[in-house]
Structures are given as C-alpha cells and as structure tokens.
Amino acid sequence: MVKVLKEELELGSKATDAGDLWRRYCSNLGMNSIQDRRAVEETLKNLVKLDIRRSPTSVVAAVLYMIVKLASNGKTVEDVQQETGAAVGTIKSTYKEIYLYSSTIIPNWYCKYLEDLKKLNSH
C-alpha cells in the first residue's frame, strides 16, 4: 500500500532541492532569457548563505517573482503561483522575508541601480 501511494504521489522522484526546481519553473514561466535564468540561479546560490527557513518551492517561487519584477516581463505573482504551486500568500510572505537581503543576493550585474531595487518594493 505504501509503495502504491509513493508511486501514485510520485514521492521520492520529484526534485525537492531549490537548485533542481528553478530550471523547471523558469521553463514553465517562459523565462527563456539566459540573463534572467542566470540571475535566478545566482540569487538562489546567494540565499544559501542565509538562514531562510522556508520550503524550497516557496524560496524558488519568491526568487522567481523577484526576478520577473526586475525583468518587467509582464509576469505576475499569480503566474508564478500557477507554475510553482506555491500559494500567493506564501510567495508574498517569503518574498517579504528575502526582500530585506535583495541588495546582497541579487547579482550586481543584473540589478545595478537603486531604481531597479525600487521595482521590488511594490509587492
């Protein structure tokens, strides 16, 4: 019975690490820009240094939301929610938590100016 449930729910076969999830979510969101994808990857790597006690899905969703806001590509928190499965409220609360570190976690080459960071302030 347990084996059937694991197979049915695909437990153990899905990635649970933020480093594995972000690629799939970027593809699902249509984030094809190499720069945007690299910014997501580097931001997640920089977040590892911090003590963010959230699920990998929540962290990736919040970082994706941050990057799509900076990219101004028209994606919304609802788009991120739809592709990641994280609740809008969870994305926003995780976003608020990591926003405090945005100037240190987002790569300088991607977000060079204070005006860019101001885009992140409206959530």
N, C-alpha and C. Protein backbone atom coordinates (compact mmCIF):
# COMPACT_ATOMS: atom_id res chain seq x y z
N MET A 1 0.82 -1.20 0.00
CA MET A 1 0.00 0.00 0.00
C MET A 1 0.86 1.26 0.00
N VAL A 2 1.88 1.29 0.84
CA VAL A 2 2.77 2.44 0.91
C VAL A 2 3.47 2.64 -0.43
N LYS A 3 3.92 1.54 -1.03
CA LYS A 3 4.60 1.62 -2.32
C LYS A 3 3.67 2.20 -3.38
N VAL A 4 2.42 1.77 -3.38
CA VAL A 4 1.45 2.27 -4.35
C VAL A 4 1.22 3.76 -4.14
N LEU A 5 1.10 4.19 -2.89
CA LEU A 5 0.92 5.61 -2.60
C LEU A 5 2.12 6.43 -3.05
N LYS A 6 3.32 5.93 -2.77
CA LYS A 6 4.52 6.64 -3.20
C LYS A 6 4.57 6.79 -4.71
N GLU A 7 4.22 5.71 -5.40
CA GLU A 7 4.22 5.77 -6.86
C GLU A 7 3.14 6.72 -7.36
N GLU A 8 1.97 6.64 -6.75
CA GLU A 8 0.85 7.48 -7.17
C GLU A 8 1.16 8.97 -6.94
N LEU A 9 1.76 9.26 -5.82
CA LEU A 9 2.08 10.64 -5.47
C LEU A 9 3.45 11.07 -6.00
N GLU A 10 4.15 10.14 -6.62
CA GLU A 10 5.49 10.37 -7.18
C GLU A 10 6.46 10.84 -6.10
N LEU A 11 6.31 10.31 -4.90
CA LEU A 11 7.22 10.66 -3.81
C LEU A 11 8.59 10.08 -4.09
N GLY A 12 9.59 10.84 -3.80
CA GLY A 12 10.94 10.37 -3.99
C GLY A 12 11.46 10.57 -5.40
N SER A 13 10.58 10.85 -6.34
CA SER A 13 11.05 11.01 -7.72
C SER A 13 11.10 12.47 -8.14
N LYS A 14 10.45 13.33 -7.40
CA LYS A 14 10.45 14.76 -7.75
C LYS A 14 11.58 15.47 -7.01
N ALA A 15 12.09 16.48 -7.64
CA ALA A 15 13.15 17.27 -7.02
C ALA A 15 12.58 18.08 -5.86
N THR A 16 13.30 18.09 -4.76
CA THR A 16 12.86 18.89 -3.62
C THR A 16 13.91 19.93 -3.27
N ASP A 17 14.96 20.00 -4.03
CA ASP A 17 16.02 20.95 -3.81
C ASP A 17 15.79 22.18 -4.68
N ALA A 18 15.97 23.36 -4.09
CA ALA A 18 15.73 24.59 -4.84
C ALA A 18 16.56 24.64 -6.12
N GLY A 19 17.77 24.11 -6.05
CA GLY A 19 18.64 24.09 -7.21
C GLY A 19 18.10 23.25 -8.36
N ASP A 20 17.28 22.28 -8.04
CA ASP A 20 16.68 21.44 -9.08
C ASP A 20 15.36 22.00 -9.58
N LEU A 21 14.66 22.70 -8.72
CA LEU A 21 13.32 23.20 -9.08
C LEU A 21 13.34 24.40 -10.00
N TRP A 22 14.28 25.28 -9.82
CA TRP A 22 14.23 26.57 -10.52
C TRP A 22 14.24 26.43 -12.03
N ARG A 23 14.97 25.46 -12.57
CA ARG A 23 15.04 25.30 -14.03
C ARG A 23 13.67 24.97 -14.61
N ARG A 24 13.00 24.05 -13.96
CA ARG A 24 11.67 23.64 -14.43
C ARG A 24 10.69 24.81 -14.35
N TYR A 25 10.72 25.53 -13.23
CA TYR A 25 9.79 26.65 -13.07
C TYR A 25 10.09 27.78 -14.06
N CYS A 26 11.37 28.04 -14.31
CA CYS A 26 11.71 29.06 -15.32
C CYS A 26 11.15 28.66 -16.68
N SER A 27 11.30 27.41 -17.03
CA SER A 27 10.76 26.94 -18.31
C SER A 27 9.25 27.07 -18.34
N ASN A 28 8.60 26.67 -17.26
CA ASN A 28 7.14 26.75 -17.19
C ASN A 28 6.65 28.19 -17.31
N LEU A 29 7.43 29.13 -16.79
CA LEU A 29 7.06 30.55 -16.85
C LEU A 29 7.45 31.20 -18.18
N GLY A 30 8.13 30.46 -19.02
CA GLY A 30 8.58 31.02 -20.29
C GLY A 30 9.74 31.98 -20.13
N MET A 31 10.51 31.80 -19.06
CA MET A 31 11.69 32.64 -18.83
C MET A 31 12.84 32.05 -19.63
N ASN A 32 12.96 32.48 -20.86
CA ASN A 32 13.97 31.93 -21.76
C ASN A 32 15.23 32.77 -21.83
N SER A 33 15.20 33.96 -21.26
CA SER A 33 16.38 34.82 -21.27
C SER A 33 17.48 34.18 -20.42
N ILE A 34 18.64 34.02 -21.02
CA ILE A 34 19.76 33.44 -20.29
C ILE A 34 20.13 34.31 -19.09
N GLN A 35 20.04 35.62 -19.25
CA GLN A 35 20.37 36.53 -18.14
C GLN A 35 19.40 36.34 -16.98
N ASP A 36 18.10 36.25 -17.28
CA ASP A 36 17.11 36.07 -16.22
C ASP A 36 17.33 34.75 -15.51
N ARG A 37 17.58 33.70 -16.27
CA ARG A 37 17.79 32.38 -15.68
C ARG A 37 19.06 32.36 -14.82
N ARG A 38 20.11 33.00 -15.30
CA ARG A 38 21.34 33.08 -14.53
C ARG A 38 21.13 33.89 -13.25
N ALA A 39 20.33 34.95 -13.34
CA ALA A 39 20.04 35.77 -12.15
C ALA A 39 19.29 34.95 -11.10
N VAL A 40 18.34 34.12 -11.54
CA VAL A 40 17.62 33.24 -10.61
C VAL A 40 18.60 32.29 -9.95
N GLU A 41 19.44 31.65 -10.74
CA GLU A 41 20.39 30.68 -10.21
C GLU A 41 21.35 31.32 -9.21
N GLU A 42 21.91 32.46 -9.56
CA GLU A 42 22.87 33.11 -8.66
C GLU A 42 22.20 33.65 -7.40
N THR A 43 20.98 34.15 -7.53
CA THR A 43 20.25 34.63 -6.36
C THR A 43 19.99 33.48 -5.39
N LEU A 44 19.60 32.34 -5.92
CA LEU A 44 19.37 31.17 -5.07
C LEU A 44 20.66 30.72 -4.40
N LYS A 45 21.76 30.75 -5.13
CA LYS A 45 23.05 30.37 -4.52
C LYS A 45 23.42 31.34 -3.40
N ASN A 46 23.16 32.62 -3.61
CA ASN A 46 23.46 33.61 -2.57
C ASN A 46 22.56 33.45 -1.35
N LEU A 47 21.35 32.98 -1.57
CA LEU A 47 20.41 32.77 -0.46
C LEU A 47 20.83 31.62 0.44
N VAL A 48 21.59 30.68 -0.09
CA VAL A 48 22.03 29.53 0.70
C VAL A 48 22.81 29.99 1.93
N LYS A 49 23.49 31.11 1.80
CA LYS A 49 24.30 31.64 2.90
C LYS A 49 23.43 32.17 4.05
N LEU A 50 22.17 32.43 3.76
CA LEU A 50 21.26 32.99 4.76
C LEU A 50 20.43 31.88 5.39
N ASP A 51 19.88 32.16 6.53
CA ASP A 51 19.07 31.17 7.24
C ASP A 51 17.59 31.42 6.93
N ILE A 52 17.17 31.05 5.73
CA ILE A 52 15.77 31.20 5.34
C ILE A 52 15.09 29.86 5.57
N ARG A 53 14.19 29.84 6.51
CA ARG A 53 13.54 28.58 6.89
C ARG A 53 12.20 28.45 6.18
N ARG A 54 12.29 28.22 4.90
CA ARG A 54 11.11 28.05 4.06
C ARG A 54 11.33 26.83 3.18
N SER A 55 10.25 26.33 2.63
CA SER A 55 10.38 25.18 1.72
C SER A 55 11.09 25.62 0.45
N PRO A 56 11.78 24.69 -0.20
CA PRO A 56 12.46 25.03 -1.46
C PRO A 56 11.51 25.63 -2.49
N THR A 57 10.30 25.11 -2.58
CA THR A 57 9.34 25.64 -3.54
C THR A 57 9.00 27.09 -3.24
N SER A 58 8.81 27.41 -1.96
CA SER A 58 8.48 28.79 -1.57
C SER A 58 9.63 29.74 -1.88
N VAL A 59 10.84 29.31 -1.61
CA VAL A 59 12.01 30.15 -1.86
C VAL A 59 12.19 30.39 -3.35
N VAL A 60 12.10 29.32 -4.14
CA VAL A 60 12.24 29.46 -5.59
C VAL A 60 11.14 30.36 -6.14
N ALA A 61 9.92 30.16 -5.68
CA ALA A 61 8.80 30.98 -6.16
C ALA A 61 9.03 32.46 -5.85
N ALA A 62 9.50 32.75 -4.64
CA ALA A 62 9.76 34.15 -4.26
C ALA A 62 10.89 34.76 -5.09
N VAL A 63 11.94 33.99 -5.33
CA VAL A 63 13.05 34.48 -6.15
C VAL A 63 12.58 34.70 -7.59
N LEU A 64 11.80 33.77 -8.11
CA LEU A 64 11.25 33.94 -9.46
C LEU A 64 10.42 35.22 -9.54
N TYR A 65 9.60 35.44 -8.53
CA TYR A 65 8.77 36.64 -8.51
C TYR A 65 9.65 37.89 -8.49
N MET A 66 10.73 37.86 -7.73
CA MET A 66 11.66 38.98 -7.68
C MET A 66 12.26 39.25 -9.06
N ILE A 67 12.72 38.21 -9.70
CA ILE A 67 13.39 38.37 -10.99
C ILE A 67 12.40 38.79 -12.08
N VAL A 68 11.19 38.25 -12.07
CA VAL A 68 10.23 38.68 -13.10
C VAL A 68 9.83 40.14 -12.90
N LYS A 69 9.82 40.60 -11.65
CA LYS A 69 9.54 42.02 -11.40
C LYS A 69 10.67 42.89 -11.94
N LEU A 70 11.89 42.47 -11.72
CA LEU A 70 13.04 43.23 -12.23
C LEU A 70 13.09 43.19 -13.75
N ALA A 71 12.73 42.07 -14.32
CA ALA A 71 12.77 41.91 -15.78
C ALA A 71 11.64 42.66 -16.46
N SER A 72 10.63 43.02 -15.69
CA SER A 72 9.45 43.72 -16.24
C SER A 72 8.89 42.99 -17.46
N ASN A 73 8.74 41.67 -17.31
CA ASN A 73 8.27 40.87 -18.44
C ASN A 73 6.77 40.60 -18.42
N GLY A 74 6.06 41.28 -17.53
CA GLY A 74 4.61 41.15 -17.51
C GLY A 74 4.08 39.99 -16.68
N LYS A 75 4.96 39.19 -16.12
CA LYS A 75 4.52 38.07 -15.29
C LYS A 75 4.08 38.61 -13.92
N THR A 76 3.09 37.95 -13.35
CA THR A 76 2.54 38.37 -12.07
C THR A 76 2.79 37.31 -11.01
N VAL A 77 2.47 37.66 -9.77
CA VAL A 77 2.59 36.68 -8.69
C VAL A 77 1.66 35.50 -8.95
N GLU A 78 0.53 35.76 -9.60
CA GLU A 78 -0.40 34.68 -9.93
C GLU A 78 0.20 33.74 -10.97
N ASP A 79 0.96 34.28 -11.91
CA ASP A 79 1.65 33.44 -12.90
C ASP A 79 2.67 32.53 -12.20
N VAL A 80 3.42 33.12 -11.28
CA VAL A 80 4.41 32.35 -10.52
C VAL A 80 3.70 31.28 -9.70
N GLN A 81 2.59 31.65 -9.08
CA GLN A 81 1.80 30.69 -8.28
C GLN A 81 1.33 29.53 -9.14
N GLN A 82 0.82 29.84 -10.30
CA GLN A 82 0.29 28.80 -11.18
C GLN A 82 1.37 27.81 -11.59
N GLU A 83 2.56 28.28 -11.86
CA GLU A 83 3.62 27.41 -12.35
C GLU A 83 4.36 26.67 -11.24
N THR A 84 4.41 27.25 -10.04
CA THR A 84 5.16 26.62 -8.95
C THR A 84 4.28 25.83 -8.00
N GLY A 85 3.01 26.19 -7.93
CA GLY A 85 2.11 25.52 -7.00
C GLY A 85 2.14 26.13 -5.60
N ALA A 86 3.01 27.09 -5.37
CA ALA A 86 3.06 27.76 -4.07
C ALA A 86 1.90 28.75 -4.00
N ALA A 87 1.31 28.88 -2.83
CA ALA A 87 0.19 29.80 -2.66
C ALA A 87 0.67 31.25 -2.78
N VAL A 88 -0.19 32.11 -3.29
CA VAL A 88 0.15 33.53 -3.46
C VAL A 88 0.60 34.12 -2.13
N GLY A 89 -0.12 33.83 -1.05
CA GLY A 89 0.25 34.35 0.27
C GLY A 89 1.62 33.88 0.71
N THR A 90 1.94 32.63 0.41
CA THR A 90 3.25 32.08 0.75
C THR A 90 4.35 32.75 -0.06
N ILE A 91 4.09 32.94 -1.35
CA ILE A 91 5.08 33.62 -2.20
C ILE A 91 5.34 35.02 -1.66
N LYS A 92 4.27 35.74 -1.34
CA LYS A 92 4.42 37.12 -0.86
C LYS A 92 5.13 37.20 0.49
N SER A 93 4.81 36.29 1.40
CA SER A 93 5.46 36.34 2.71
C SER A 93 6.94 35.93 2.61
N THR A 94 7.25 34.96 1.77
CA THR A 94 8.65 34.58 1.55
C THR A 94 9.39 35.72 0.85
N TYR A 95 8.72 36.33 -0.10
CA TYR A 95 9.28 37.49 -0.82
C TYR A 95 9.65 38.59 0.17
N LYS A 96 8.73 38.90 1.08
CA LYS A 96 8.99 39.95 2.07
C LYS A 96 10.21 39.61 2.93
N GLU A 97 10.33 38.34 3.26
CA GLU A 97 11.45 37.90 4.09
C GLU A 97 12.79 38.04 3.34
N ILE A 98 12.82 37.64 2.09
CA ILE A 98 14.10 37.71 1.37
C ILE A 98 14.34 39.08 0.74
N TYR A 99 13.30 39.88 0.61
CA TYR A 99 13.46 41.24 0.07
C TYR A 99 14.47 42.03 0.89
N LEU A 100 14.50 41.81 2.19
CA LEU A 100 15.42 42.51 3.07
C LEU A 100 16.87 42.34 2.64
N TYR A 101 17.16 41.23 1.95
CA TYR A 101 18.52 40.91 1.52
C TYR A 101 18.72 41.14 0.02
N SER A 102 17.74 41.73 -0.64
CA SER A 102 17.78 41.83 -2.10
C SER A 102 19.05 42.49 -2.63
N SER A 103 19.55 43.49 -1.94
CA SER A 103 20.74 44.18 -2.45
C SER A 103 22.00 43.32 -2.37
N THR A 104 21.96 42.28 -1.56
CA THR A 104 23.13 41.40 -1.45
C THR A 104 22.95 40.07 -2.16
N ILE A 105 21.73 39.64 -2.39
CA ILE A 105 21.54 38.32 -3.01
C ILE A 105 21.37 38.39 -4.53
N ILE A 106 20.82 39.49 -5.03
CA ILE A 106 20.64 39.62 -6.47
C ILE A 106 21.98 40.05 -7.06
N PRO A 107 22.44 39.36 -8.09
CA PRO A 107 23.76 39.69 -8.66
C PRO A 107 23.85 41.15 -9.11
N ASN A 108 24.98 41.76 -8.83
CA ASN A 108 25.19 43.17 -9.20
C ASN A 108 25.08 43.39 -10.70
N TRP A 109 25.51 42.42 -11.48
CA TRP A 109 25.46 42.59 -12.93
C TRP A 109 24.01 42.62 -13.43
N TYR A 110 23.08 42.08 -12.64
CA TYR A 110 21.68 42.04 -13.06
C TYR A 110 20.90 43.25 -12.56
N CYS A 111 21.22 43.66 -11.37
CA CYS A 111 20.49 44.76 -10.72
C CYS A 111 21.51 45.79 -10.27
N LYS A 112 21.83 46.70 -11.15
CA LYS A 112 22.93 47.63 -10.91
C LYS A 112 22.52 48.91 -10.19
N TYR A 113 21.29 49.27 -10.31
CA TYR A 113 20.89 50.60 -9.87
C TYR A 113 19.82 50.54 -8.79
N LEU A 114 19.82 51.55 -7.94
CA LEU A 114 18.83 51.66 -6.88
C LEU A 114 17.42 51.67 -7.46
N GLU A 115 17.26 52.26 -8.63
CA GLU A 115 15.94 52.30 -9.28
C GLU A 115 15.44 50.88 -9.55
N ASP A 116 16.37 49.98 -9.88
CA ASP A 116 15.98 48.59 -10.11
C ASP A 116 15.41 47.98 -8.83
N LEU A 117 16.09 48.22 -7.72
CA LEU A 117 15.63 47.66 -6.45
C LEU A 117 14.30 48.26 -6.03
N LYS A 118 14.04 49.49 -6.43
CA LYS A 118 12.76 50.11 -6.09
C LYS A 118 11.59 49.37 -6.74
N LYS A 119 11.84 48.72 -7.88
CA LYS A 119 10.80 47.92 -8.53
C LYS A 119 10.34 46.79 -7.61
N LEU A 120 11.25 46.32 -6.76
CA LEU A 120 10.93 45.20 -5.88
C LEU A 120 10.11 45.61 -4.68
N ASN A 121 10.12 46.88 -4.34
CA ASN A 121 9.46 47.34 -3.13
C ASN A 121 7.95 47.24 -3.20
N SER A 122 7.39 47.26 -4.37
CA SER A 122 5.93 47.15 -4.50
C SER A 122 5.54 45.70 -4.73
N HIS A 123 5.00 45.09 -3.72
CA HIS A 123 4.56 43.70 -3.85
C HIS A 123 3.14 43.66 -3.43
